[in-house]
Protein backbone atom coordinates (compact mmCIF):
# COMPACT_ATOMS: atom_id res chain seq x y z
CA MET A 1 92.04 35.49 -3.66
CA ALA A 2 89.79 34.98 -6.70
CA ILE A 3 88.09 37.67 -8.72
CA THR A 4 84.35 37.84 -8.00
CA LEU A 5 81.52 38.72 -10.35
CA ARG A 6 80.50 41.54 -8.02
CA GLN A 7 83.96 43.12 -8.35
CA ILE A 8 83.71 42.96 -12.15
CA GLU A 9 80.22 44.49 -12.01
CA ALA A 10 81.53 47.37 -9.86
CA PHE A 11 84.45 47.94 -12.25
CA ARG A 12 82.13 47.96 -15.24
CA ALA A 13 79.72 50.36 -13.53
CA VAL A 14 82.53 52.84 -12.73
CA MET A 15 83.83 52.63 -16.31
CA GLU A 16 80.39 53.36 -17.72
CA ALA A 17 79.24 55.95 -15.14
CA GLY A 18 82.55 57.81 -14.84
CA THR A 19 82.29 58.33 -11.08
CA VAL A 20 81.99 56.09 -8.06
CA ILE A 21 78.91 58.02 -6.90
CA GLU A 22 77.00 57.36 -10.14
CA ALA A 23 78.22 53.76 -10.25
CA ALA A 24 76.87 53.26 -6.73
CA GLY A 25 73.48 54.49 -7.94
CA LEU A 26 73.50 52.04 -10.85
CA MET A 27 74.32 49.14 -8.53
CA HIS A 28 72.04 50.27 -5.68
CA LEU A 29 75.03 50.18 -3.32
CA SER A 30 76.72 52.74 -1.15
CA GLN A 31 79.73 54.69 -2.48
CA PRO A 32 82.14 53.07 0.03
CA ALA A 33 80.89 49.60 -1.01
CA VAL A 34 81.65 50.26 -4.67
CA SER A 35 85.07 51.74 -3.82
CA ARG A 36 85.88 48.69 -1.72
CA LEU A 37 84.88 46.29 -4.55
CA VAL A 38 87.08 48.13 -7.06
CA GLY A 39 89.94 48.31 -4.57
CA ASP A 40 89.70 44.58 -3.87
CA LEU A 41 89.80 43.91 -7.61
CA GLU A 42 92.93 46.03 -8.01
CA SER A 43 94.58 44.20 -5.11
CA THR A 44 93.77 40.84 -6.68
CA LEU A 45 95.04 41.92 -10.11
CA GLY A 46 98.16 43.58 -8.77
CA TYR A 47 97.83 46.78 -10.79
CA ALA A 48 95.81 50.01 -10.68
CA LEU A 49 92.66 50.41 -12.74
CA PHE A 50 91.99 54.09 -12.05
CA ALA A 51 94.05 57.18 -11.39
CA ARG A 52 92.77 60.38 -9.78
CA ILE A 53 93.39 63.39 -11.98
CA LYS A 54 92.11 66.73 -10.70
CA GLY A 55 89.59 64.97 -8.46
CA ARG A 56 88.22 62.68 -11.17
CA LEU A 57 88.83 59.02 -11.89
CA ALA A 58 90.70 58.25 -15.09
CA PRO A 59 90.92 54.65 -16.33
CA THR A 60 94.42 53.33 -16.85
CA ASP A 61 95.48 51.64 -20.06
CA GLU A 62 95.13 48.30 -18.26
CA ALA A 63 91.57 49.22 -17.30
CA GLN A 64 90.68 49.93 -20.94
CA VAL A 65 91.99 46.52 -22.05
CA LEU A 66 90.15 44.76 -19.20
CA TYR A 67 86.95 46.68 -19.91
CA ALA A 68 86.92 45.49 -23.53
CA GLU A 69 87.07 41.87 -22.32
CA VAL A 70 84.40 42.51 -19.69
CA GLN A 71 82.09 44.02 -22.30
CA ARG A 72 82.39 40.95 -24.52
CA ALA A 73 81.51 38.75 -21.57
CA PHE A 74 78.54 40.87 -20.55
CA ILE A 75 77.24 41.05 -24.13
CA GLY A 76 77.27 37.25 -24.14
CA LEU A 77 75.48 37.24 -20.80
CA ASP A 78 72.89 39.67 -22.15
CA GLN A 79 72.34 37.34 -25.10
CA ILE A 80 71.88 34.39 -22.75
CA THR A 81 69.44 36.44 -20.67
CA GLN A 82 67.46 37.39 -23.77
CA ALA A 83 67.39 33.78 -24.94
CA ALA A 84 66.09 32.71 -21.54
CA LEU A 85 63.36 35.36 -21.72
CA ASP A 86 62.49 34.30 -25.27
CA ILE A 87 62.09 30.71 -24.11
CA ARG A 88 59.78 31.90 -21.31
CA THR A 89 57.65 33.86 -23.76
CA HIS A 90 57.66 31.07 -26.39
CA GLN A 91 59.80 33.05 -28.82
CA VAL A 92 62.42 30.34 -29.41
CA GLY A 93 62.48 26.57 -29.36
CA ARG A 94 62.13 23.48 -31.54
CA ILE A 95 59.15 21.14 -31.62
CA ARG A 96 59.25 17.66 -33.12
CA LEU A 97 55.89 16.39 -34.41
CA ILE A 98 54.88 13.09 -35.97
CA ALA A 99 51.50 12.02 -37.36
CA MET A 100 49.88 9.12 -39.15
CA PRO A 101 49.24 9.88 -42.84
CA ALA A 102 45.46 9.97 -42.25
CA LEU A 103 45.92 12.66 -39.57
CA SER A 104 48.54 14.83 -41.24
CA ASP A 105 46.12 17.16 -43.01
CA GLY A 106 43.01 18.95 -41.78
CA ALA A 107 43.59 21.31 -38.87
CA LEU A 108 47.20 20.33 -38.19
CA PRO A 109 49.01 22.20 -41.03
CA HIS A 110 46.95 25.32 -40.29
CA ALA A 111 47.78 25.12 -36.58
CA ILE A 112 51.49 24.72 -37.38
CA SER A 113 51.43 27.73 -39.71
CA ALA A 114 49.60 29.94 -37.19
CA PHE A 115 51.98 28.94 -34.41
CA LEU A 116 55.08 29.66 -36.48
CA HIS A 117 53.77 33.10 -37.41
CA ALA A 118 53.04 33.89 -33.76
CA ASN A 119 56.43 32.53 -32.61
CA PRO A 120 59.03 33.55 -35.22
CA GLY A 121 61.94 32.07 -33.24
CA THR A 122 60.38 28.60 -33.19
CA SER A 123 61.14 25.82 -35.66
CA ILE A 124 59.15 22.62 -36.20
CA SER A 125 60.13 19.20 -37.50
CA PHE A 126 57.05 17.43 -38.88
CA GLU A 127 57.23 13.74 -39.77
CA VAL A 128 54.47 11.67 -41.42
CA ARG A 129 54.86 7.96 -40.71
CA PRO A 130 52.73 4.80 -40.27
CA ARG A 131 50.98 4.38 -36.92
CA ARG A 132 53.46 1.87 -35.52
CA ARG A 133 56.31 4.31 -36.19
CA VAL A 134 54.40 7.16 -34.52
CA LEU A 135 53.99 5.08 -31.37
CA GLU A 136 57.59 3.91 -31.44
CA TRP A 137 59.14 7.36 -31.82
CA VAL A 138 56.92 8.94 -29.16
CA SER A 139 57.66 6.06 -26.78
CA LEU A 140 61.41 6.49 -27.34
CA GLN A 141 61.08 10.26 -26.70
CA GLN A 142 62.33 11.07 -30.19
CA MET A 143 59.23 13.21 -30.74
CA ASN A 144 57.56 15.80 -28.53
CA ILE A 145 54.06 15.23 -29.92
CA GLY A 146 52.40 12.52 -31.98
CA PHE A 147 48.99 12.10 -33.59
CA ALA A 148 47.54 8.60 -33.86
CA THR A 149 44.37 6.60 -33.41
CA LEU A 150 43.38 4.88 -30.17
CA PRO A 151 43.59 2.50 -28.42
CA ILE A 152 47.15 2.75 -27.15
CA ASN A 153 48.28 0.30 -24.51
CA ASP A 154 51.77 1.57 -23.79
CA PRO A 155 52.62 3.01 -20.35
CA THR A 156 55.43 5.09 -21.86
CA ILE A 157 52.91 7.09 -23.90
CA SER A 158 50.44 9.65 -22.56
CA ALA A 159 47.37 10.11 -24.80
CA ILE A 160 44.91 13.01 -24.90
CA ALA A 161 41.73 12.01 -26.74
CA LEU A 162 40.89 14.70 -29.30
CA ALA A 163 37.94 13.45 -31.30
CA ARG A 164 35.80 10.58 -32.47
CA SER A 165 35.64 10.54 -36.24
CA ARG A 166 32.92 8.52 -37.95
CA TYR A 167 33.67 6.94 -41.30
CA VAL A 168 31.69 8.16 -44.29
CA CYS A 169 31.13 6.78 -47.75
CA LEU A 170 32.59 8.77 -50.64
CA LEU A 171 30.83 8.51 -53.97
CA PRO A 172 31.99 9.82 -57.35
CA PRO A 173 29.87 12.35 -59.22
CA ARG A 174 26.59 10.97 -60.64
CA HIS A 175 27.04 7.62 -58.90
CA ARG A 176 23.88 5.53 -58.59
CA LEU A 177 24.04 5.61 -54.76
CA THR A 178 24.00 9.40 -54.51
CA SER A 179 20.18 9.23 -54.39
CA LYS A 180 20.38 7.55 -50.97
CA LYS A 181 20.53 9.66 -47.80
CA ARG A 182 22.58 7.04 -45.98
CA ILE A 183 24.70 4.18 -47.27
CA HIS A 184 24.42 0.76 -45.70
CA VAL A 185 27.44 -1.49 -45.95
CA ARG A 186 25.34 -3.96 -47.97
CA ASP A 187 24.81 -1.27 -50.61
CA LEU A 188 28.51 -1.56 -51.42
CA ALA A 189 28.50 -5.30 -52.17
CA ASP A 190 28.91 -4.90 -55.92
CA GLU A 191 30.93 -1.70 -55.93
CA GLU A 192 34.54 -1.28 -56.97
CA PHE A 193 36.23 -0.28 -53.76
CA ILE A 194 39.31 1.86 -53.01
CA SER A 195 41.02 0.57 -49.87
CA ILE A 196 43.80 1.58 -47.53
CA LEU A 197 46.84 -0.72 -47.79
CA PRO A 198 46.53 -4.05 -45.93
CA GLU A 199 49.35 -3.28 -43.47
CA ALA A 200 47.48 -0.28 -42.05
CA GLN A 201 45.67 -0.86 -38.74
CA ILE A 202 42.39 0.54 -40.05
CA ARG A 203 42.35 -1.91 -42.99
CA ALA A 204 41.69 -4.84 -40.63
CA ARG A 205 38.82 -2.91 -39.03
CA VAL A 206 37.28 -2.07 -42.40
CA ASP A 207 37.57 -5.68 -43.59
CA SER A 208 35.88 -6.87 -40.35
CA PHE A 209 33.22 -4.21 -40.84
CA PHE A 210 32.37 -5.62 -44.23
CA GLY A 211 32.65 -9.22 -43.03
CA ALA A 212 30.18 -8.70 -40.18
CA SER A 213 27.52 -7.86 -42.78
CA GLY A 214 28.49 -10.69 -45.10
CA VAL A 215 29.92 -8.32 -47.68
CA THR A 216 33.20 -8.89 -49.50
CA PRO A 217 34.42 -5.64 -51.04
CA ARG A 218 35.86 -5.68 -54.56
CA ASN A 219 39.19 -4.07 -53.65
CA ARG A 220 40.45 -2.70 -56.96
CA VAL A 221 43.01 -0.21 -55.63
CA ASP A 222 45.02 -0.16 -52.37
CA VAL A 223 46.45 3.20 -51.31
CA ARG A 224 48.26 4.66 -48.29
CA THR A 225 46.33 7.84 -47.46
CA ASN A 226 42.81 9.20 -47.31
CA GLY A 227 43.87 11.96 -49.68
CA VAL A 228 44.58 9.42 -52.41
CA VAL A 229 41.24 7.71 -51.73
CA LEU A 230 39.56 11.08 -52.27
CA SER A 231 41.43 11.75 -55.50
CA LEU A 232 40.54 8.36 -56.95
CA VAL A 233 36.88 8.64 -55.95
CA ARG A 234 36.75 12.09 -57.52
CA ALA A 235 38.25 10.63 -60.69
CA GLY A 236 35.55 7.94 -60.78
CA ALA A 237 37.77 4.95 -59.97
CA GLY A 238 35.38 3.62 -57.34
CA VAL A 239 33.89 4.31 -53.92
CA GLY A 240 35.74 4.61 -50.63
CA LEU A 241 35.34 4.81 -46.88
CA ILE A 242 37.35 7.35 -44.89
CA ASP A 243 37.19 9.25 -41.63
CA LEU A 244 37.23 13.01 -42.09
CA PHE A 245 39.34 14.17 -39.14
CA GLY A 246 42.53 14.75 -41.12
CA VAL A 247 40.97 15.80 -44.43
CA GLU A 248 41.23 19.29 -45.89
CA ARG A 249 37.74 20.65 -46.55
CA GLU A 250 38.81 21.88 -49.98
CA PHE A 251 39.48 18.27 -51.03
CA MET A 252 35.79 17.40 -50.67
CA ASP A 253 34.79 19.19 -53.87
CA HIS A 254 33.28 16.98 -56.57
CA VAL A 255 32.58 14.00 -54.30
CA THR A 256 29.36 13.07 -52.52
CA VAL A 257 29.58 12.34 -48.79
CA ARG A 258 27.03 10.03 -47.20
CA PRO A 259 26.75 8.74 -43.60
CA LEU A 260 27.48 5.07 -43.16
CA ASP A 261 25.38 2.33 -41.52
CA PRO A 262 26.27 0.67 -39.28
CA GLU A 263 28.64 3.16 -37.67
CA LEU A 264 32.39 2.73 -38.01
CA ALA A 265 34.48 5.24 -36.08
CA VAL A 266 38.02 5.90 -34.86
CA ASP A 267 39.23 7.85 -31.83
CA VAL A 268 42.04 10.30 -32.53
CA ALA A 269 44.54 11.27 -29.85
CA LEU A 270 47.47 13.59 -29.25
CA LEU A 271 50.41 11.62 -27.84
CA GLN A 272 53.31 12.63 -25.60
CA PRO A 273 56.15 10.72 -23.92
CA ALA A 274 54.77 9.87 -20.47
CA ALA A 275 58.05 10.21 -18.58
CA ARG A 276 59.33 13.40 -20.21
CA PRO A 277 58.28 16.84 -18.92
CA GLN A 278 57.36 19.01 -21.85
CA SER A 279 58.90 22.42 -22.44
CA ARG A 280 56.88 25.60 -22.28
CA ILE A 281 56.96 25.91 -26.06
CA VAL A 282 55.54 22.40 -26.51
CA ARG A 283 52.77 23.03 -23.97
CA ALA A 284 51.99 26.29 -25.75
CA PHE A 285 51.74 24.46 -29.09
CA ILE A 286 49.34 21.88 -27.62
CA ASP A 287 47.08 24.62 -26.25
CA ASN A 288 47.25 26.46 -29.58
CA TYR A 289 46.48 23.30 -31.53
CA ARG A 290 43.40 22.43 -29.48
CA GLU A 291 42.05 25.97 -29.85
CA HIS A 292 42.77 25.91 -33.59
CA LEU A 293 41.15 22.49 -33.95
CA ALA A 294 37.92 23.81 -32.40
CA ARG A 295 37.90 26.81 -34.76
CA TYR A 296 38.67 24.60 -37.74
CA TRP A 297 35.84 22.21 -36.81
CA ARG A 298 33.33 25.09 -36.56
CA ALA A 299 34.27 26.21 -40.08
CA LEU A 300 33.72 22.79 -41.67
CA PRO A 301 30.71 22.19 -43.94
CA SER A 302 27.97 20.29 -42.13
CA ALA A 303 28.59 17.08 -44.13
CA MET A 304 32.03 16.92 -42.53
CA ARG A 305 31.35 18.53 -39.14
CA ASP A 306 28.43 16.22 -38.31
CA ASN A 307 30.72 13.21 -38.50
CA ILE A 308 33.41 14.51 -36.13
CA HIS A 309 32.82 14.75 -32.38
CA LEU A 310 35.42 16.83 -30.52
CA TYR A 311 36.01 15.65 -26.99
CA GLY A 312 35.77 18.42 -24.41
CA SER A 313 33.77 20.68 -26.70
CA GLU A 314 30.39 21.94 -25.54
CA GLU A 315 29.30 22.51 -29.13
CA ASN A 316 29.02 18.88 -30.19
């Protein structure tokens, strides 16, 4: 006959309560039921656990040794129980994020920071990689969440459209075009231009954008991120075109932002593996991020906010 968990629970309750009557109260059982469980345990073990001395139960030496082992087991069980509760309340867990360089700033770092402060048991792995790598790692379920531009034609990836971000023209201080309210692509024909590297998806779109108007940009510098475009424009190295979705508002100091004609825009999406159910902590992060994104958008200066349309927002 095997030892049962219920027998161990009854033994532990008697050891802690000191009497069968009080142990029965702790277990919400009758006194005879608790006595039977302890008796069955003694029969299975082949030795006595309690002796009656002047009408009271006294644990034997064997009972004391067994109780120490039982306590270690129940402490471990309590830890497992607490961990399970922490997972339910989003207190523990690990989230793996990946984003394109152009989408790695803006609201995302702030949302990550706020979530970590609210969930101290959570850890986050945050990768910044080219778009093709973002799609690959999300598709292979190596990442819980990705951030990339649409379109995405991969059935293994589920995409939630977040925003449409219109490209703007960045001008250095005191540039001749700052007098214009809007910049037409033809205005940039003779300008020294700071471009995203040719292997980036958006570079082909920008080149086609210029080509459709018969303009060939004078690409003097090729860079990987919008942040570097901003830095070079601010330093006077040339003009640039970027979308503002993943740009920190503080980086816009000392550059002039002008709307662009005709419109060039990208759709930004949050990606998840289509076939993988997400954990509670991941779903909580997604909800937190979307709420944080809306707050971040409302706090942007109008020159930035007017060029970003949040999907699902009644405010724009």
